[in-house]
Amino acid sequence: MAMQNKWLVYSLGLVMLLGAFVISGCESNTYNEGVFTAISEGDERGYAEVSLTIENDEITDVEITEYDGLDVEKLDEAYGQRFEPMEEAHEYLAEEIVANNTWEVDTFSGATSTSEKVSQAARFAMEKAFVEEAEQDYFDGTFMARSEGSERGWHIAWVTIENDEIVDVELAGTTPVEEDSEPVFDDAGRQVFELKSEEYAHQPYHEGQEVIAERIVGYQEPEVDTLSEATSSSEQWIEAVEKALDKAQTRAEVE
């Protein structure tokens, strides 16, 4: 009889242990742990990039970077005098995202565009972190990226995606800003560039803008034939589109 009681106690204990294990196994996290980075949609004023550190479904750290309409990082020393609230807005938004554990926070007064872009980038970063894999390969929206640059400038692409299809591509190039035939530098010591205008003299450049964009939309991929009269520009636009598509991806490797 005593032996039977011992086996009964042992069996009950084993059942309770297994039950606890099953319950524990069911309580999985919503988000993967790690650092997840995403960008907001881009426009003529640029975009925001946000990196979220997530631990046990909690946002523990936020890093924010903004880029202008030429895809140049907005450094405080270069933009502070023209847009004083930038650094303060970044600090406020980062603190609010951590405190509320969500991308959905109030805008910073005087920096509505920055707030909206930061919130959207944070949302995309959180969606990238989901344990459950996204159904789409790309986020919907217009995403911006640039090619590698030189003292002559670089090329930029805005790629619009809907339901994993490239529905529009806009392409541009940059050229150095000069005064009295000398290059201009910003307060951070960086050379200043501007978009090439419609008056830019090299006609194949303008033809390439249209042809490369049409080919990429038509073939639904950036690997298209270059325009022989504008080979360099074509290659840089293809590079920029590839980078924009990479940034628009809904899935991310855990850092």
Protein backbone atom coordinates (compact mmCIF):
# COMPACT_ATOMS: atom_id res chain seq x y z
CA MET A 1 0.00 0.00 0.00
CA ALA A 2 2.84 2.40 0.89
CA MET A 3 4.53 1.54 -2.38
CA GLN A 4 1.34 2.34 -4.30
CA ASN A 5 1.07 5.74 -2.56
CA LYS A 6 4.65 6.54 -3.51
CA TRP A 7 3.96 5.74 -7.16
CA LEU A 8 0.78 7.84 -7.03
CA VAL A 9 2.67 10.85 -5.66
CA TYR A 10 5.40 10.36 -8.25
CA SER A 11 2.89 10.11 -11.09
CA LEU A 12 1.02 13.21 -9.97
CA GLY A 13 4.27 15.13 -9.73
CA LEU A 14 5.28 14.03 -13.21
CA VAL A 15 1.92 15.10 -14.65
CA MET A 16 2.21 18.53 -12.99
CA LEU A 17 5.77 18.94 -14.31
CA LEU A 18 4.72 18.04 -17.84
CA GLY A 19 1.74 20.37 -17.60
CA ALA A 20 3.96 23.24 -16.54
CA PHE A 21 6.32 22.47 -19.41
CA VAL A 22 3.48 22.52 -21.94
CA ILE A 23 2.08 25.79 -20.58
CA SER A 24 5.53 27.33 -20.58
CA GLY A 25 6.08 26.19 -24.15
CA CYS A 26 2.86 27.86 -25.25
CA GLU A 27 3.88 31.23 -23.84
CA SER A 28 6.18 32.13 -26.74
CA ASN A 29 7.37 35.65 -27.47
CA THR A 30 5.72 37.83 -30.10
CA TYR A 31 9.07 39.26 -31.20
CA ASN A 32 12.49 37.81 -31.81
CA GLU A 33 15.28 39.24 -29.70
CA GLY A 34 18.02 41.35 -31.20
CA VAL A 35 18.53 44.63 -33.06
CA PHE A 36 16.13 45.34 -35.91
CA THR A 37 16.60 48.21 -38.35
CA ALA A 38 14.12 49.67 -40.84
CA ILE A 39 13.56 52.86 -42.79
CA SER A 40 10.47 54.93 -43.36
CA GLU A 41 9.12 55.79 -46.76
CA GLY A 42 11.25 58.34 -48.58
CA ASP A 43 10.32 61.52 -50.39
CA GLU A 44 11.96 64.72 -51.60
CA ARG A 45 12.75 65.55 -47.96
CA GLY A 46 14.35 62.21 -47.20
CA TYR A 47 13.55 59.47 -44.70
CA ALA A 48 14.24 58.18 -41.19
CA GLU A 49 16.11 55.06 -40.13
CA VAL A 50 15.36 53.43 -36.77
CA SER A 51 17.16 50.59 -34.99
CA LEU A 52 15.27 48.89 -32.15
CA THR A 53 16.81 46.60 -29.56
CA ILE A 54 14.21 44.07 -28.39
CA GLU A 55 14.57 41.80 -25.36
CA ASN A 56 11.76 39.55 -24.11
CA ASP A 57 9.16 41.50 -26.11
CA GLU A 58 10.38 44.82 -24.67
CA ILE A 59 12.01 47.65 -26.62
CA THR A 60 15.10 48.47 -24.59
CA ASP A 61 16.92 50.88 -26.88
CA VAL A 62 16.21 53.08 -29.92
CA GLU A 63 18.65 54.69 -32.32
CA ILE A 64 17.37 57.24 -34.85
CA THR A 65 19.08 58.62 -37.95
CA GLU A 66 17.58 60.96 -40.52
CA TYR A 67 18.57 61.46 -44.13
CA ASP A 68 17.75 64.37 -46.43
CA GLY A 69 16.37 64.38 -49.96
CA LEU A 70 19.79 63.48 -51.38
CA ASP A 71 20.15 60.53 -48.97
CA VAL A 72 22.77 62.39 -46.92
CA GLU A 73 22.74 61.93 -43.15
CA LYS A 74 21.35 64.91 -41.28
CA LEU A 75 24.13 65.67 -38.82
CA ASP A 76 23.35 68.08 -36.01
CA GLU A 77 26.32 70.32 -36.78
CA ALA A 78 25.21 70.58 -40.42
CA TYR A 79 21.46 70.97 -39.85
CA GLY A 80 21.12 72.29 -36.31
CA GLN A 81 20.90 75.95 -37.25
CA ARG A 82 18.31 75.33 -39.96
CA PHE A 83 16.31 72.78 -38.00
CA GLU A 84 17.01 73.15 -34.29
CA PRO A 85 14.35 70.68 -33.03
CA MET A 86 15.91 67.70 -34.82
CA GLU A 87 18.18 66.39 -32.06
CA GLU A 88 15.61 67.15 -29.35
CA ALA A 89 12.89 65.43 -31.40
CA HIS A 90 15.03 62.31 -31.80
CA GLU A 91 15.68 62.14 -28.05
CA TYR A 92 11.99 62.62 -27.23
CA LEU A 93 10.78 60.02 -29.75
CA ALA A 94 13.37 57.44 -28.66
CA GLU A 95 12.39 57.85 -25.01
CA GLU A 96 8.66 57.63 -25.81
CA ILE A 97 9.06 54.50 -27.94
CA VAL A 98 10.94 52.75 -25.12
CA ALA A 99 8.62 54.00 -22.37
CA ASN A 100 5.46 52.96 -24.21
CA ASN A 101 6.97 49.88 -25.87
CA THR A 102 5.43 50.85 -29.20
CA TRP A 103 6.08 52.86 -32.34
CA GLU A 104 2.75 54.63 -31.88
CA VAL A 105 3.73 57.74 -29.91
CA ASP A 106 2.76 61.42 -29.94
CA THR A 107 4.49 63.71 -32.40
CA PHE A 108 7.12 66.17 -31.24
CA SER A 109 5.86 69.74 -31.54
CA GLY A 110 7.52 71.53 -34.43
CA ALA A 111 8.81 68.32 -36.01
CA THR A 112 5.73 66.61 -37.43
CA SER A 113 7.43 65.18 -40.52
CA THR A 114 10.33 63.80 -38.47
CA SER A 115 7.92 62.29 -35.94
CA GLU A 116 5.83 60.58 -38.62
CA LYS A 117 8.85 59.13 -40.39
CA VAL A 118 10.46 57.92 -37.16
CA SER A 119 7.19 56.30 -36.04
CA GLN A 120 6.77 54.56 -39.38
CA ALA A 121 10.37 53.29 -39.41
CA ALA A 122 9.92 52.01 -35.84
CA ARG A 123 6.72 50.21 -36.90
CA PHE A 124 8.51 48.56 -39.80
CA ALA A 125 11.37 47.54 -37.47
CA MET A 126 8.90 45.96 -35.02
CA GLU A 127 7.20 44.13 -37.87
CA LYS A 128 10.57 42.82 -39.01
CA ALA A 129 11.08 41.47 -35.49
CA PHE A 130 7.86 39.39 -35.46
CA VAL A 131 8.44 35.71 -34.71
CA GLU A 132 5.67 34.91 -37.18
CA GLU A 133 7.04 35.40 -40.67
CA ALA A 134 5.50 38.14 -42.80
CA GLU A 135 3.36 37.12 -45.76
CA GLN A 136 4.85 39.77 -48.06
CA ASP A 137 8.49 40.08 -49.08
CA TYR A 138 8.37 43.89 -49.07
CA PHE A 139 6.57 46.63 -47.18
CA ASP A 140 4.18 48.72 -49.24
CA GLY A 141 5.40 52.25 -49.89
CA THR A 142 8.09 54.32 -51.58
CA PHE A 143 11.62 53.53 -50.46
CA MET A 144 14.71 55.56 -51.19
CA ALA A 145 18.38 54.64 -51.59
CA ARG A 146 21.54 55.91 -53.26
CA SER A 147 24.48 54.42 -55.09
CA GLU A 148 28.08 54.75 -54.01
CA GLY A 149 29.36 58.26 -54.60
CA SER A 150 32.45 60.16 -55.67
CA GLU A 151 33.54 63.79 -55.98
CA ARG A 152 31.26 63.93 -59.02
CA GLY A 153 28.17 62.82 -57.08
CA TRP A 154 25.95 59.75 -56.88
CA HIS A 155 22.60 58.47 -58.14
CA ILE A 156 19.30 58.05 -56.26
CA ALA A 157 16.26 55.82 -56.67
CA TRP A 158 12.74 56.02 -55.23
CA VAL A 159 11.05 52.64 -55.60
CA THR A 160 7.30 52.30 -54.99
CA ILE A 161 6.04 48.84 -54.02
CA GLU A 162 2.49 47.53 -53.72
CA ASN A 163 1.71 43.92 -52.84
CA ASP A 164 5.28 42.85 -53.65
CA GLU A 165 5.18 44.48 -57.09
CA ILE A 166 7.33 47.39 -58.25
CA VAL A 167 4.74 49.85 -59.51
CA ASP A 168 6.92 52.92 -60.00
CA VAL A 169 10.57 53.95 -60.09
CA GLU A 170 11.93 57.49 -60.05
CA LEU A 171 15.61 58.12 -60.70
CA ALA A 172 17.86 61.11 -60.18
CA GLY A 173 21.51 62.08 -60.01
CA THR A 174 23.51 64.59 -58.01
CA THR A 175 26.17 67.12 -58.96
CA PRO A 176 28.53 69.26 -56.84
CA VAL A 177 27.47 72.74 -55.72
CA GLU A 178 30.08 75.34 -56.59
CA GLU A 179 30.64 79.02 -55.90
CA ASP A 180 33.16 80.86 -58.06
CA SER A 181 34.16 77.47 -59.51
CA GLU A 182 35.03 76.19 -56.02
CA PRO A 183 33.23 73.34 -54.18
CA VAL A 184 30.93 74.25 -51.30
CA PHE A 185 31.13 72.47 -47.92
CA ASP A 186 28.58 72.24 -45.11
CA ASP A 187 29.17 72.97 -41.41
CA ALA A 188 30.28 69.35 -40.92
CA GLY A 189 32.99 69.74 -43.56
CA ARG A 190 31.19 67.63 -46.15
CA GLN A 191 31.04 68.61 -49.80
CA VAL A 192 27.58 69.84 -50.79
CA PHE A 193 25.66 68.37 -53.74
CA GLU A 194 22.35 69.04 -55.44
CA LEU A 195 20.05 67.19 -57.82
CA LYS A 196 20.82 67.48 -61.51
CA SER A 197 18.23 69.72 -63.11
CA GLU A 198 16.30 69.31 -66.33
CA GLU A 199 18.86 71.65 -67.90
CA TYR A 200 21.70 69.17 -67.30
CA ALA A 201 23.46 69.11 -70.65
CA HIS A 202 24.11 65.36 -71.13
CA GLN A 203 20.97 64.19 -72.95
CA PRO A 204 21.61 60.41 -72.52
CA TYR A 205 21.36 60.98 -68.77
CA HIS A 206 17.76 62.17 -69.15
CA GLU A 207 16.95 59.33 -71.55
CA GLY A 208 18.46 56.85 -69.10
CA GLN A 209 16.24 58.15 -66.28
CA GLU A 210 13.16 57.08 -68.22
CA VAL A 211 14.47 53.93 -69.91
CA ILE A 212 16.03 52.30 -66.84
CA ALA A 213 12.95 53.08 -64.73
CA GLU A 214 10.63 51.59 -67.35
CA ARG A 215 12.76 48.46 -67.70
CA ILE A 216 12.87 47.84 -63.96
CA VAL A 217 9.09 48.18 -63.63
CA GLY A 218 8.56 46.04 -66.72
CA TYR A 219 10.87 43.22 -65.65
CA GLN A 220 10.08 43.59 -61.92
CA GLU A 221 13.76 43.48 -61.00
CA PRO A 222 16.74 45.83 -61.02
CA GLU A 223 19.00 43.60 -63.13
CA VAL A 224 18.22 45.13 -66.52
CA ASP A 225 20.32 46.09 -69.51
CA THR A 226 22.12 49.41 -69.22
CA LEU A 227 21.76 52.23 -71.70
CA SER A 228 24.94 52.23 -73.79
CA GLU A 229 25.10 56.04 -73.97
CA ALA A 230 24.73 56.33 -70.18
CA THR A 231 26.42 53.20 -68.86
CA SER A 232 27.77 54.71 -65.64
CA SER A 233 24.46 56.34 -64.70
CA SER A 234 22.58 53.14 -65.55
CA GLU A 235 24.82 51.04 -63.32
CA GLN A 236 24.47 53.47 -60.43
CA TRP A 237 20.67 53.58 -60.76
CA ILE A 238 20.52 49.80 -60.77
CA GLU A 239 22.66 49.76 -57.61
CA ALA A 240 20.38 52.32 -55.94
CA VAL A 241 17.25 50.33 -56.81
CA GLU A 242 18.81 47.14 -55.41
CA LYS A 243 19.55 48.94 -52.15
CA ALA A 244 16.04 50.39 -51.98
CA LEU A 245 14.56 46.90 -52.38
CA ASP A 246 16.87 45.56 -49.65
CA LYS A 247 15.69 48.31 -47.30
CA ALA A 248 12.04 47.55 -48.08
CA GLN A 249 12.26 43.88 -47.09
CA THR A 250 9.87 42.70 -44.39
CA ARG A 251 12.24 40.06 -43.07
CA ALA A 252 15.50 40.68 -41.27
CA GLU A 253 18.41 38.70 -39.93
CA VAL A 254 18.70 39.06 -36.17
CA GLU A 255 21.74 41.16 -35.27
